[in-house]
C-alpha atoms as a PDB file:
ATOM      1  CA  MET A   1      57.618  83.926  83.604  1.00  0.00           C
ATOM      2  CA  SER A   2      60.112  86.221  82.030  1.00  0.00           C
ATOM      3  CA  ARG A   3      61.519  82.940  80.885  1.00  0.00           C
ATOM      4  CA  THR A   4      58.936  83.068  78.193  1.00  0.00           C
ATOM      5  CA  ILE A   5      60.582  86.136  76.870  1.00  0.00           C
ATOM      6  CA  LEU A   6      63.892  84.450  77.100  1.00  0.00           C
ATOM      7  CA  ALA A   7      62.600  81.506  75.154  1.00  0.00           C
ATOM      8  CA  SER A   8      61.567  83.889  72.485  1.00  0.00           C
ATOM      9  CA  LEU A   9      65.037  85.288  72.423  1.00  0.00           C
ATOM     10  CA  ALA A  10      66.517  81.888  71.938  1.00  0.00           C
ATOM     11  CA  LEU A  11      64.110  81.201  69.106  1.00  0.00           C
ATOM     12  CA  ALA A  12      65.188  84.398  67.409  1.00  0.00           C
ATOM     13  CA  ALA A  13      68.821  83.422  67.673  1.00  0.00           C
ATOM     14  CA  MET A  14      67.981  80.069  66.201  1.00  0.00           C
ATOM     15  CA  MET A  15      66.108  81.672  63.342  1.00  0.00           C
ATOM     16  CA  ALA A  16      68.985  84.037  62.656  1.00  0.00           C
ATOM     17  CA  ALA A  17      71.295  81.052  62.555  1.00  0.00           C
ATOM     18  CA  GLY A  18      69.006  79.308  60.089  1.00  0.00           C
ATOM     19  CA  CYS A  19      68.129  76.513  62.516  1.00  0.00           C
ATOM     20  CA  THR A  20      64.394  76.999  62.937  1.00  0.00           C
ATOM     21  CA  GLY A  21      63.291  73.482  62.089  1.00  0.00           C
ATOM     22  CA  PRO A  22      63.567  71.792  65.488  1.00  0.00           C
ATOM     23  CA  ALA A  23      61.983  74.713  67.332  1.00  0.00           C
ATOM     24  CA  ASN A  24      58.724  73.930  65.631  1.00  0.00           C
ATOM     25  CA  ALA A  25      58.681  70.494  67.277  1.00  0.00           C
ATOM     26  CA  GLN A  26      56.492  71.977  69.995  1.00  0.00           C
ATOM     27  CA  ASP A  27      54.430  75.074  69.229  1.00  0.00           C
ATOM     28  CA  SER A  28      55.445  77.920  71.553  1.00  0.00           C
ATOM     29  CA  GLY A  29      51.792  78.909  71.982  1.00  0.00           C
ATOM     30  CA  LYS A  30      50.902  75.493  73.398  1.00  0.00           C
ATOM     31  CA  LEU A  31      53.384  75.425  76.285  1.00  0.00           C
ATOM     32  CA  ASN A  32      52.069  75.422  79.847  1.00  0.00           C
ATOM     33  CA  ASP A  33      53.290  78.128  82.228  1.00  0.00           C
ATOM     34  CA  LEU A  34      56.123  76.016  83.646  1.00  0.00           C
ATOM     35  CA  GLU A  35      57.298  75.031  80.169  1.00  0.00           C
ATOM     36  CA  VAL A  36      57.194  78.680  79.146  1.00  0.00           C
ATOM     37  CA  ALA A  37      59.247  79.539  82.233  1.00  0.00           C
ATOM     38  CA  HIS A  38      61.860  76.959  81.258  1.00  0.00           C
ATOM     39  CA  ALA A  39      61.965  78.031  77.617  1.00  0.00           C
ATOM     40  CA  ALA A  40      62.242  81.689  78.604  1.00  0.00           C
ATOM     41  CA  TYR A  41      65.079  80.956  80.995  1.00  0.00           C
ATOM     42  CA  VAL A  42      66.919  78.956  78.347  1.00  0.00           C
ATOM     43  CA  ALA A  43      66.400  81.754  75.827  1.00  0.00           C
ATOM     44  CA  GLY A  44      67.723  84.360  78.243  1.00  0.00           C
ATOM     45  CA  ASP A  45      70.693  82.223  79.093  1.00  0.00           C
ATOM     46  CA  ILE A  46      71.431  81.817  75.393  1.00  0.00           C
ATOM     47  CA  ASP A  47      71.480  85.580  74.878  1.00  0.00           C
ATOM     48  CA  ILE A  48      73.765  85.949  77.895  1.00  0.00           C
ATOM     49  CA  ARG A  49      76.134  83.402  76.337  1.00  0.00           C
ATOM     50  CA  ASN A  50      75.927  85.212  72.987  1.00  0.00           C
ATOM     51  CA  ALA A  51      76.978  88.373  74.802  1.00  0.00           C
ATOM     52  CA  HIS A  52      79.908  86.661  76.514  1.00  0.00           C
ATOM     53  CA  LEU A  53      81.039  85.429  73.101  1.00  0.00           C
ATOM     54  CA  ALA A  54      80.867  89.004  71.815  1.00  0.00           C
ATOM     55  CA  LEU A  55      82.945  90.237  74.748  1.00  0.00           C
ATOM     56  CA  ALA A  56      85.529  87.561  74.010  1.00  0.00           C
ATOM     57  CA  LEU A  57      85.734  88.169  70.252  1.00  0.00           C
ATOM     58  CA  SER A  58      84.893  91.805  69.559  1.00  0.00           C
ATOM     59  CA  ASP A  59      86.961  94.937  69.939  1.00  0.00           C
ATOM     60  CA  ASP A  60      84.150  97.183  68.696  1.00  0.00           C
ATOM     61  CA  ARG A  61      83.026  99.522  71.479  1.00  0.00           C
ATOM     62  CA  ALA A  62      79.354  99.538  70.434  1.00  0.00           C
ATOM     63  CA  VAL A  63      79.227  95.738  70.200  1.00  0.00           C
ATOM     64  CA  ARG A  64      80.861  95.361  73.600  1.00  0.00           C
ATOM     65  CA  GLU A  65      78.507  97.902  75.221  1.00  0.00           C
ATOM     66  CA  PHE A  66      75.498  96.108  73.747  1.00  0.00           C
ATOM     67  CA  ALA A  67      76.828  92.755  74.980  1.00  0.00           C
ATOM     68  CA  GLU A  68      77.249  94.158  78.491  1.00  0.00           C
ATOM     69  CA  LEU A  69      73.667  95.467  78.357  1.00  0.00           C
ATOM     70  CA  MET A  70      72.416  92.032  77.279  1.00  0.00           C
ATOM     71  CA  ILE A  71      74.196  90.354  80.192  1.00  0.00           C
ATOM     72  CA  ARG A  72      72.887  92.858  82.729  1.00  0.00           C
ATOM     73  CA  ASP A  73      69.291  92.928  81.505  1.00  0.00           C
ATOM     74  CA  HIS A  74      68.877  89.222  80.790  1.00  0.00           C
ATOM     75  CA  GLU A  75      70.430  88.219  84.104  1.00  0.00           C
ATOM     76  CA  ALA A  76      67.988  90.586  85.836  1.00  0.00           C
ATOM     77  CA  VAL A  77      65.017  89.050  84.021  1.00  0.00           C
ATOM     78  CA  ASN A  78      66.237  85.516  84.744  1.00  0.00           C
ATOM     79  CA  ASP A  79      66.726  86.400  88.408  1.00  0.00           C
ATOM     80  CA  ALA A  80      63.196  87.826  88.606  1.00  0.00           C
ATOM     81  CA  ALA A  81      61.812  84.691  86.942  1.00  0.00           C
ATOM     82  CA  LEU A  82      63.660  82.428  89.374  1.00  0.00           C
ATOM     83  CA  ALA A  83      62.388  84.484  92.319  1.00  0.00           C
ATOM     84  CA  LEU A  84      58.818  84.156  91.074  1.00  0.00           C
ATOM     85  CA  LEU A  85      59.188  80.409  90.623  1.00  0.00           C
ATOM     86  CA  LYS A  86      60.583  80.130  94.140  1.00  0.00           C
ATOM     87  CA  LYS A  87      57.691  82.200  95.507  1.00  0.00           C
ATOM     88  CA  LEU A  88      55.215  79.953  93.706  1.00  0.00           C
ATOM     89  CA  LYS A  89      57.114  76.840  94.833  1.00  0.00           C
ATOM     90  CA  ALA A  90      57.183  75.700  91.228  1.00  0.00           C
ATOM     91  CA  GLU A  91      59.827  74.021  89.082  1.00  0.00           C
ATOM     92  CA  PRO A  92      60.263  74.912  85.413  1.00  0.00           C
ATOM     93  CA  GLN A  93      59.584  72.036  83.018  1.00  0.00           C
ATOM     94  CA  ASP A  94      62.022  71.076  80.291  1.00  0.00           C
ATOM     95  CA  ASN A  95      60.370  70.506  76.916  1.00  0.00           C
ATOM     96  CA  ALA A  96      61.066  69.936  73.232  1.00  0.00           C
ATOM     97  CA  PHE A  97      60.850  73.655  72.499  1.00  0.00           C
ATOM     98  CA  SER A  98      63.568  74.485  75.069  1.00  0.00           C
ATOM     99  CA  GLN A  99      65.750  71.668  73.787  1.00  0.00           C
ATOM    100  CA  SER A 100      65.463  72.855  70.194  1.00  0.00           C
ATOM    101  CA  LEU A 101      66.374  76.397  71.264  1.00  0.00           C
ATOM    102  CA  LEU A 102      69.532  75.116  72.896  1.00  0.00           C
ATOM    103  CA  LYS A 103      70.465  72.992  69.886  1.00  0.00           C
ATOM    104  CA  GLY A 104      70.016  75.969  67.570  1.00  0.00           C
ATOM    105  CA  ALA A 105      72.110  78.136  69.856  1.00  0.00           C
ATOM    106  CA  ARG A 106      74.918  75.587  69.939  1.00  0.00           C
ATOM    107  CA  ASP A 107      74.950  75.499  66.140  1.00  0.00           C
ATOM    108  CA  ASN A 108      75.012  79.307  66.078  1.00  0.00           C
ATOM    109  CA  TRP A 109      77.871  79.501  68.613  1.00  0.00           C
ATOM    110  CA  THR A 110      79.931  77.122  66.485  1.00  0.00           C
ATOM    111  CA  LYS A 111      79.443  79.362  63.439  1.00  0.00           C
ATOM    112  CA  MET A 112      80.025  82.608  65.321  1.00  0.00           C
ATOM    113  CA  ALA A 113      83.189  81.347  67.024  1.00  0.00           C
ATOM    114  CA  GLN A 114      84.774  80.901  63.583  1.00  0.00           C
ATOM    115  CA  LEU A 115      84.464  84.636  62.870  1.00  0.00           C
ATOM    116  CA  SER A 116      86.580  87.584  63.944  1.00  0.00           C
ATOM    117  CA  GLY A 117      86.811  91.340  63.501  1.00  0.00           C
ATOM    118  CA  ALA A 118      84.200  93.098  61.412  1.00  0.00           C
ATOM    119  CA  ALA A 119      82.738  89.789  60.195  1.00  0.00           C
ATOM    120  CA  PHE A 120      81.987  88.749  63.770  1.00  0.00           C
ATOM    121  CA  ASP A 121      80.605  92.180  64.691  1.00  0.00           C
ATOM    122  CA  LYS A 122      78.227  92.212  61.708  1.00  0.00           C
ATOM    123  CA  SER A 123      77.094  88.661  62.383  1.00  0.00           C
ATOM    124  CA  TYR A 124      76.547  89.310  66.102  1.00  0.00           C
ATOM    125  CA  ALA A 125      74.607  92.528  65.434  1.00  0.00           C
ATOM    126  CA  ALA A 126      72.408  90.887  62.795  1.00  0.00           C
ATOM    127  CA  ASN A 127      71.796  87.884  65.056  1.00  0.00           C
ATOM    128  CA  GLU A 128      70.796  90.104  67.976  1.00  0.00           C
ATOM    129  CA  LEU A 129      68.379  92.091  65.826  1.00  0.00           C
ATOM    130  CA  ALA A 130      66.731  88.968  64.406  1.00  0.00           C
ATOM    131  CA  TYR A 131      66.696  87.366  67.853  1.00  0.00           C
ATOM    132  CA  HIS A 132      64.918  90.278  69.484  1.00  0.00           C
ATOM    133  CA  GLN A 133      62.447  90.696  66.628  1.00  0.00           C
ATOM    134  CA  THR A 134      61.459  87.061  66.934  1.00  0.00           C
ATOM    135  CA  VAL A 135      61.430  87.019  70.721  1.00  0.00           C
ATOM    136  CA  ASN A 136      59.255  90.090  70.905  1.00  0.00           C
ATOM    137  CA  LYS A 137      56.780  88.528  68.496  1.00  0.00           C
ATOM    138  CA  VAL A 138      56.662  85.195  70.360  1.00  0.00           C
ATOM    139  CA  VAL A 139      56.327  86.861  73.753  1.00  0.00           C
ATOM    140  CA  SER A 140      53.625  89.296  72.665  1.00  0.00           C
ATOM    141  CA  GLU A 141      51.635  86.952  70.413  1.00  0.00           C
ATOM    142  CA  ALA A 142      52.114  83.502  71.984  1.00  0.00           C
ATOM    143  CA  PHE A 143      53.359  83.667  75.550  1.00  0.00           C
ATOM    144  CA  ILE A 144      51.567  86.621  77.132  1.00  0.00           C
ATOM    145  CA  PRO A 145      48.125  85.765  75.710  1.00  0.00           C
ATOM    146  CA  ASN A 146      48.420  82.105  76.752  1.00  0.00           C
ATOM    147  CA  VAL A 147      50.082  82.312  80.179  1.00  0.00           C
ATOM    148  CA  GLU A 148      47.594  81.677  82.972  1.00  0.00           C
ATOM    149  CA  ASN A 149      49.496  82.970  86.021  1.00  0.00           C
ATOM    150  CA  ALA A 150      48.896  86.724  86.457  1.00  0.00           C
ATOM    151  CA  GLU A 151      52.313  87.353  88.030  1.00  0.00           C
ATOM    152  CA  LEU A 152      54.050  85.584  85.173  1.00  0.00           C
ATOM    153  CA  LYS A 153      51.993  87.571  82.664  1.00  0.00           C
ATOM    154  CA  THR A 154      53.060  90.809  84.382  1.00  0.00           C
ATOM    155  CA  LEU A 155      56.707  89.767  84.429  1.00  0.00           C
ATOM    156  CA  LEU A 156      56.567  88.887  80.736  1.00  0.00           C
ATOM    157  CA  GLY A 157      54.995  92.239  79.917  1.00  0.00           C
ATOM    158  CA  SER A 158      57.696  94.088  81.802  1.00  0.00           C
ATOM    159  CA  ALA A 159      60.432  92.029  80.177  1.00  0.00           C
ATOM    160  CA  LEU A 160      58.873  92.635  76.760  1.00  0.00           C
ATOM    161  CA  ASP A 161      59.276  96.380  77.262  1.00  0.00           C
ATOM    162  CA  THR A 162      62.991  95.825  77.935  1.00  0.00           C
ATOM    163  CA  PHE A 163      63.404  93.519  74.959  1.00  0.00           C
ATOM    164  CA  GLN A 164      61.656  95.946  72.620  1.00  0.00           C
ATOM    165  CA  ALA A 165      64.250  98.538  73.657  1.00  0.00           C
ATOM    166  CA  HIS A 166      66.945  95.932  72.914  1.00  0.00           C
ATOM    167  CA  GLU A 167      65.488  95.458  69.437  1.00  0.00           C
ATOM    168  CA  LYS A 168      65.743  99.196  68.710  1.00  0.00           C
ATOM    169  CA  HIS A 169      69.294  99.256  70.050  1.00  0.00           C
ATOM    170  CA  ALA A 170      70.250  96.238  67.927  1.00  0.00           C
ATOM    171  CA  GLU A 171      68.680  97.856  64.864  1.00  0.00           C
ATOM    172  CA  LYS A 172      70.862 100.927  65.355  1.00  0.00           C
ATOM    173  CA  MET A 173      73.923  98.758  65.920  1.00  0.00           C
ATOM    174  CA  VAL A 174      73.276  96.899  62.642  1.00  0.00           C
ATOM    175  CA  ALA A 175      72.924 100.193  60.761  1.00  0.00           C
ATOM    176  CA  ASP A 176      76.075 101.658  62.328  1.00  0.00           C
ATOM    177  CA  ILE A 177      78.215  98.571  61.735  1.00  0.00           C
ATOM    178  CA  GLY A 178      76.970  98.225  58.162  1.00  0.00           C
ATOM    179  CA  SER A 179      78.091 101.756  57.285  1.00  0.00           C
END
């Protein structure tokens, strides 16, 4: 459901980290609804972990506020997705796409954890912008058009609105940190 959006987010983080190869192992537009739900959840969880890393490593007020927003919003979307799955009595399905998202995120976390100060802040901001640009594209062009369950489609649409706002926020953060 909104896990689709989250999967998109994870893909964006992977792309920003330069680890897009494995994600193509399974085309995001060919996932069934339960695979999309799993990928979206994984993607959301990845952005939550990115935000926790930012809270641990950054002293920049804008970076920390953005990270707190990511935790709040992505946890809310994940919670809504889990509630929908429970209502539908469905289990998300792990898949190659989800696994490649997680591998890319792990590689990215290793790189990001080596940074500190302004270098970390710039890297985090750039990653979040690229992540949301990619996620928004995947959700709008691959997930929403291909999801069959109407409730999942609605949840993805609602989450997309939130993630488009995140993209604009990340864009401003990149511009402010770069100056």
